[in-house]
Protein backbone atom coordinates (compact mmCIF):
# COMPACT_ATOMS: atom_id res chain seq x y z
CA UNK A 1 78.68 109.05 72.26
CA UNK A 2 77.91 107.91 75.76
CA UNK A 3 81.04 106.00 76.08
CA UNK A 4 83.03 109.07 74.99
CA UNK A 5 81.29 111.06 77.52
CA UNK A 6 81.75 108.64 80.32
CA UNK A 7 85.47 108.36 79.61
CA UNK A 8 85.64 112.21 79.52
CA UNK A 9 84.06 112.46 83.03
CA UNK A 10 86.57 109.79 84.22
CA UNK A 11 89.56 111.55 82.71
CA UNK A 12 88.56 114.92 84.15
CA UNK A 13 88.27 113.34 87.61
CA UNK A 14 91.81 111.60 87.41
CA UNK A 15 93.29 114.51 85.53
CA UNK A 16 92.26 117.03 88.38
CA UNK A 17 93.90 114.90 90.86
CA UNK A 18 97.22 114.63 88.86
CA UNK A 19 96.86 118.49 88.52
CA UNK A 20 96.99 119.01 92.19
CA UNK A 21 99.93 116.59 92.60
CA UNK A 22 101.66 118.52 89.65
CA UNK A 23 101.05 121.75 91.34
CA UNK A 24 102.78 120.70 94.38
CA UNK A 25 105.94 119.64 92.32
CA UNK A 26 105.91 123.00 90.58
CA UNK A 27 105.70 124.93 93.86
CA UNK A 28 108.80 123.11 95.13
CA UNK A 29 110.54 123.44 92.04
CA UNK A 30 109.98 127.27 91.93
CA UNK A 31 111.18 127.60 95.62
CA UNK A 32 114.18 125.37 95.52
CA UNK A 33 114.83 124.39 91.95
CA UNK A 34 114.58 120.61 92.64
CA UNK A 35 112.07 117.86 92.36
CA UNK A 36 110.44 116.70 95.54
CA UNK A 37 109.78 112.94 95.09
CA UNK A 38 108.03 112.81 98.52
CA UNK A 39 105.10 114.64 96.82
CA UNK A 40 103.35 111.29 96.41
CA UNK A 41 103.61 110.30 100.13
CA UNK A 42 101.95 113.68 101.04
CA UNK A 43 99.02 112.59 98.76
CA UNK A 44 98.96 109.25 100.36
CA UNK A 45 99.12 110.79 103.86
CA UNK A 46 96.09 112.87 103.27
CA UNK A 47 93.88 110.02 102.29
CA UNK A 48 95.28 107.77 104.99
CA UNK A 49 94.89 110.16 107.78
CA UNK A 50 91.50 111.33 106.92
CA UNK A 51 90.26 107.82 106.56
CA UNK A 52 91.87 106.98 109.92
CA UNK A 53 90.24 109.92 111.63
CA UNK A 54 86.77 109.19 110.24
CA UNK A 55 87.14 105.51 111.26
CA UNK A 56 87.91 106.75 114.82
CA UNK A 57 84.56 108.64 114.80
CA UNK A 58 85.70 112.08 113.82
CA UNK A 59 82.98 113.97 111.69
CA UNK A 60 84.20 113.98 107.90
CA UNK A 61 84.50 117.77 107.52
CA UNK A 62 86.62 118.02 110.70
CA UNK A 63 88.70 115.04 109.78
CA UNK A 64 89.36 116.54 106.26
CA UNK A 65 90.55 119.75 107.84
CA UNK A 66 92.70 117.99 110.54
CA UNK A 67 94.25 115.81 107.80
CA UNK A 68 95.27 118.82 105.51
CA UNK A 69 96.72 120.66 108.53
CA UNK A 70 98.77 117.52 109.82
CA UNK A 71 100.04 116.76 106.40
CA UNK A 72 101.08 120.53 106.01
CA UNK A 73 102.90 120.21 109.23
CA UNK A 74 104.68 117.09 107.95
CA UNK A 75 105.80 119.03 105.08
CA UNK A 76 107.33 121.73 107.21
CA UNK A 77 109.03 119.06 109.38
CA UNK A 78 110.45 117.39 106.28
CA UNK A 79 111.88 120.83 105.15
CA UNK A 80 113.43 121.59 108.55
CA UNK A 81 114.82 118.18 109.39
CA UNK A 82 115.82 116.76 105.84
CA UNK A 83 115.94 119.49 103.29
CA UNK A 84 117.42 122.50 105.27
CA UNK A 85 120.56 120.56 106.50
CA UNK A 86 121.14 119.27 102.94
CA UNK A 87 120.86 122.95 101.79
CA UNK A 88 124.51 123.12 100.46
CA UNK A 89 124.12 119.90 98.51
CA UNK A 90 123.55 120.08 94.63
CA UNK A 91 120.17 119.35 93.18
CA UNK A 92 120.85 115.70 92.69
CA UNK A 93 121.67 115.31 96.37
CA UNK A 94 118.50 116.91 97.48
CA UNK A 95 116.55 114.72 95.10
CA UNK A 96 118.08 111.70 96.70
CA UNK A 97 117.02 113.19 100.21
CA UNK A 98 113.49 113.49 99.03
CA UNK A 99 113.43 109.86 97.72
CA UNK A 100 114.77 108.83 101.15
CA UNK A 101 112.04 110.82 102.93
CA UNK A 102 109.40 109.21 100.68
CA UNK A 103 110.60 105.75 101.70
CA UNK A 104 110.58 106.59 105.46
CA UNK A 105 107.03 108.15 105.41
CA UNK A 106 105.81 105.00 103.51
CA UNK A 107 107.33 102.92 106.06
CA UNK A 108 105.87 104.78 108.90
CA UNK A 109 102.65 104.57 107.60
CA UNK A 110 102.79 100.94 106.95
CA UNK A 111 103.99 100.26 110.50
CA UNK A 112 101.46 102.54 112.05
CA UNK A 113 98.37 102.34 110.12
CA UNK A 114 98.93 98.96 108.37
CA UNK A 115 98.92 97.55 104.84
CA UNK A 116 95.33 97.42 104.29
CA UNK A 117 93.27 99.56 101.93
CA UNK A 118 91.27 102.50 103.57
CA UNK A 119 88.34 104.45 101.96
CA UNK A 120 86.70 107.68 102.95
CA UNK A 121 82.93 108.12 102.64
CA UNK A 122 81.82 110.27 99.67
CA UNK A 123 81.21 113.91 100.46
CA UNK A 124 77.66 113.97 99.34
CA UNK A 125 76.41 110.53 98.60
CA UNK A 126 77.13 107.81 96.06
CA UNK A 127 74.03 108.41 93.69
CA UNK A 128 75.32 109.16 90.34
CA UNK A 129 73.95 111.83 88.00
CA UNK A 130 72.86 110.80 84.58
CA UNK A 131 74.10 113.12 81.68
CA UNK A 132 73.22 112.11 78.09
CA UNK A 133 73.60 108.31 78.70
CA UNK A 134 76.71 108.63 80.88
CA UNK A 135 77.03 108.89 84.59
CA UNK A 136 79.12 110.93 86.92
CA UNK A 137 79.53 110.40 90.76
CA UNK A 138 79.05 113.26 93.13
CA UNK A 139 82.51 112.77 94.34
CA UNK A 140 83.83 113.58 90.83
CA UNK A 141 82.16 116.86 90.81
CA UNK A 142 83.85 117.58 94.19
CA UNK A 143 87.20 116.60 92.81
CA UNK A 144 86.89 118.91 89.75
CA UNK A 145 85.30 121.75 91.79
CA UNK A 146 87.81 121.72 94.49
CA UNK A 147 90.66 121.82 91.88
CA UNK A 148 89.18 124.91 90.32
CA UNK A 149 89.05 126.49 93.86
CA UNK A 150 92.52 125.61 94.71
CA UNK A 151 93.82 127.16 91.32
CA UNK A 152 92.11 130.28 92.04
CA UNK A 153 93.37 130.35 95.70
CA UNK A 154 96.86 129.76 94.39
CA UNK A 155 96.45 132.59 92.01
CA UNK A 156 95.38 134.96 94.60
CA UNK A 157 98.10 133.64 96.92
CA UNK A 158 100.96 134.20 94.53
CA UNK A 159 99.60 137.60 93.17
CA UNK A 160 98.38 139.08 96.51
CA UNK A 161 100.50 137.94 99.46
CA UNK A 162 104.11 138.82 100.41
CA UNK A 163 105.02 135.07 100.71
CA UNK A 164 103.62 134.19 97.38
CA UNK A 165 105.31 137.03 95.76
CA UNK A 166 108.60 135.94 97.50
CA UNK A 167 108.21 132.37 95.98
CA UNK A 168 107.78 134.00 92.57
CA UNK A 169 110.76 136.12 92.96
CA UNK A 170 112.89 133.29 94.26
CA UNK A 171 111.86 131.20 91.20
CA UNK A 172 112.77 133.94 88.82
CA UNK A 173 116.19 134.93 90.40
CA UNK A 174 117.28 133.54 93.84
CA UNK A 175 120.13 135.81 94.27
CA UNK A 176 118.18 139.05 93.17
CA UNK A 177 115.38 138.02 95.61
CA UNK A 178 117.85 137.73 98.48
CA UNK A 179 119.25 141.15 97.70
CA UNK A 180 115.86 142.89 97.87
CA UNK A 181 115.26 141.22 101.37
CA UNK A 182 113.39 137.99 100.45
CA UNK A 183 114.12 135.24 103.07
CA UNK A 184 114.65 132.39 100.74
CA UNK A 185 114.89 129.90 103.61
CA UNK A 186 111.39 130.91 104.64
CA UNK A 187 110.15 130.68 101.11
CA UNK A 188 111.32 127.07 100.78
CA UNK A 189 109.62 126.27 104.20
CA UNK A 190 106.41 127.74 102.97
CA UNK A 191 106.72 126.06 99.69
CA UNK A 192 107.00 122.51 101.38
CA UNK A 193 104.04 123.27 103.68
CA UNK A 194 102.01 124.40 100.78
CA UNK A 195 102.77 121.59 98.53
CA UNK A 196 102.20 119.11 101.28
CA UNK A 197 98.72 120.60 102.01
CA UNK A 198 97.96 120.36 98.28
CA UNK A 199 98.97 116.79 98.05
CA UNK A 200 96.63 116.04 101.17
CA UNK A 201 93.83 117.70 99.29
CA UNK A 202 94.37 115.48 96.37
CA UNK A 203 94.66 112.34 98.40
CA UNK A 204 91.50 113.28 100.35
CA UNK A 205 89.42 113.99 97.18
CA UNK A 206 90.24 110.83 95.49
CA UNK A 207 90.03 108.41 98.37
CA UNK A 208 86.20 108.01 98.27
CA UNK A 209 86.43 106.87 94.55
CA UNK A 210 89.65 104.78 94.94
CA UNK A 211 90.70 103.28 98.06
CA UNK A 212 94.07 104.47 99.55
CA UNK A 213 96.91 102.55 101.15
CA UNK A 214 100.41 103.07 102.25
CA UNK A 215 101.86 102.55 98.88
CA UNK A 216 99.23 104.59 96.94
CA UNK A 217 101.43 107.55 96.67
CA UNK A 218 104.10 105.91 94.64
CA UNK A 219 102.11 105.98 91.38
CA UNK A 220 100.27 109.18 92.04
CA UNK A 221 103.44 110.89 92.72
CA UNK A 222 105.05 109.59 89.49
CA UNK A 223 102.16 110.60 87.52
CA UNK A 224 102.01 114.06 89.08
CA UNK A 225 105.71 114.41 87.98
CA UNK A 226 104.87 113.44 84.60
CA UNK A 227 101.99 115.97 84.47
CA UNK A 228 104.28 118.71 85.68
CA UNK A 229 106.93 117.87 83.18
CA UNK A 230 104.52 117.57 80.57
CA UNK A 231 103.01 121.01 81.22
CA UNK A 232 106.39 122.61 81.99
CA UNK A 233 108.03 122.39 85.46
CA UNK A 234 107.45 125.49 87.43
CA UNK A 235 104.44 126.65 85.45
CA UNK A 236 101.13 126.65 87.40
CA UNK A 237 99.05 126.72 84.26
CA UNK A 238 101.26 123.89 82.71
CA UNK A 239 100.65 121.97 85.86
CA UNK A 240 96.92 122.01 85.62
CA UNK A 241 96.95 121.53 81.91
CA UNK A 242 99.37 118.68 82.13
CA UNK A 243 97.34 116.91 84.84
CA UNK A 244 94.15 117.20 82.76
CA UNK A 245 95.80 116.11 79.53
CA UNK A 246 97.46 113.19 81.11
CA UNK A 247 94.17 112.08 82.86
CA UNK A 248 92.37 112.20 79.61
CA UNK A 249 94.94 110.46 77.60
CA UNK A 250 95.20 107.74 80.25
CA UNK A 251 91.56 107.26 80.43
CA UNK A 252 90.99 107.09 76.76
CA UNK A 253 93.89 104.58 76.38
CA UNK A 254 92.31 102.40 78.80
CA UNK A 255 88.85 102.70 77.22
CA UNK A 256 89.57 102.38 73.59
CA UNK A 257 92.80 100.38 73.66
CA UNK A 258 93.56 98.44 76.63
CA UNK A 259 93.69 99.04 80.37
CA UNK A 260 97.07 97.05 80.26
CA UNK A 261 98.67 100.19 78.83
CA UNK A 262 97.11 102.74 81.18
CA UNK A 263 100.15 103.17 83.23
CA UNK A 264 102.68 102.89 80.63
CA UNK A 265 101.28 105.59 78.23
CA UNK A 266 102.02 108.61 80.58
CA UNK A 267 105.70 107.74 80.76
CA UNK A 268 105.86 107.20 77.11
CA UNK A 269 104.34 110.46 76.61
CA UNK A 270 106.65 112.34 78.80
CA UNK A 271 109.65 110.97 76.97
CA UNK A 272 108.24 112.11 73.66
CA UNK A 273 107.69 115.62 75.21
CA UNK A 274 111.23 115.79 76.59
CA UNK A 275 112.62 114.92 73.16
CA UNK A 276 110.39 117.08 71.12
CA UNK A 277 109.96 120.07 73.70
CA UNK A 278 112.25 119.62 76.54
CA UNK A 279 110.74 122.62 78.62
CA UNK A 280 107.19 121.19 78.41
CA UNK A 281 104.04 122.50 76.79
CA UNK A 282 103.90 125.62 78.80
CA UNK A 283 107.51 125.98 80.17
CA UNK A 284 109.40 129.25 79.52
CA UNK A 285 112.88 130.04 78.95
CA UNK A 286 115.68 127.97 77.32
CA UNK A 287 116.00 124.25 77.98
CA UNK A 288 119.18 122.50 78.81
CA UNK A 289 119.82 119.12 77.38
CA UNK A 290 121.94 116.66 79.51
């Protein structure tokens, strides 16, 4: 029982991080209809910048705020410099652009901040809490609580703000949104900034538990994409559910089968989902098989 509970705590922690990454993918997909494969680098940038700032002597809360703001700014710059000029390209062309952006960001971080691993101090100490024979780190509670807060904040953003409603309208029907006055270029810009900030939050939250480095975003980004696909691309509920489900399956596979299969299982799972239910668990509308 204690092992099951321990694995559940670990799965929820990892799954919450994947959920944040998946939400970033879903926001960009809704705003533009393409997959942003630079999302993993936004996650990495959040952790790396926050770690660099704290090492430079900045207080942790201020370092976290500055890191999120800077990564959000990077997202805006990426959209203006790389995505907007390629606006007339098809979805495949823009995907290739995002892959190129991810390589550039990773290279810049490697050159400026080095290849070494970096870590953030825990937000509220490292003394674990004991729960029915299992233990949970305070930072894990921060990860789960922050994810819940982000989900609520996004629900309010999309339901109560003009920009949020514009993103939803664009996702539903881009041409109709333009006809009623929605600035779809502004929507795409806001989507990139928001998804970058979400990625930064995920990277910052996980950095005290698992060290971060210039290449940490590769696997986190891929698993965030798997989580988004598993739940249904474009679905906020699906992104959260897919992230938590993926984290739980991955952790239980490592605990009860072998850690050697931990990174392979998510990709096998998404292949099965794409064959059985191509639009994902919570995806709406018809799916197109290619």
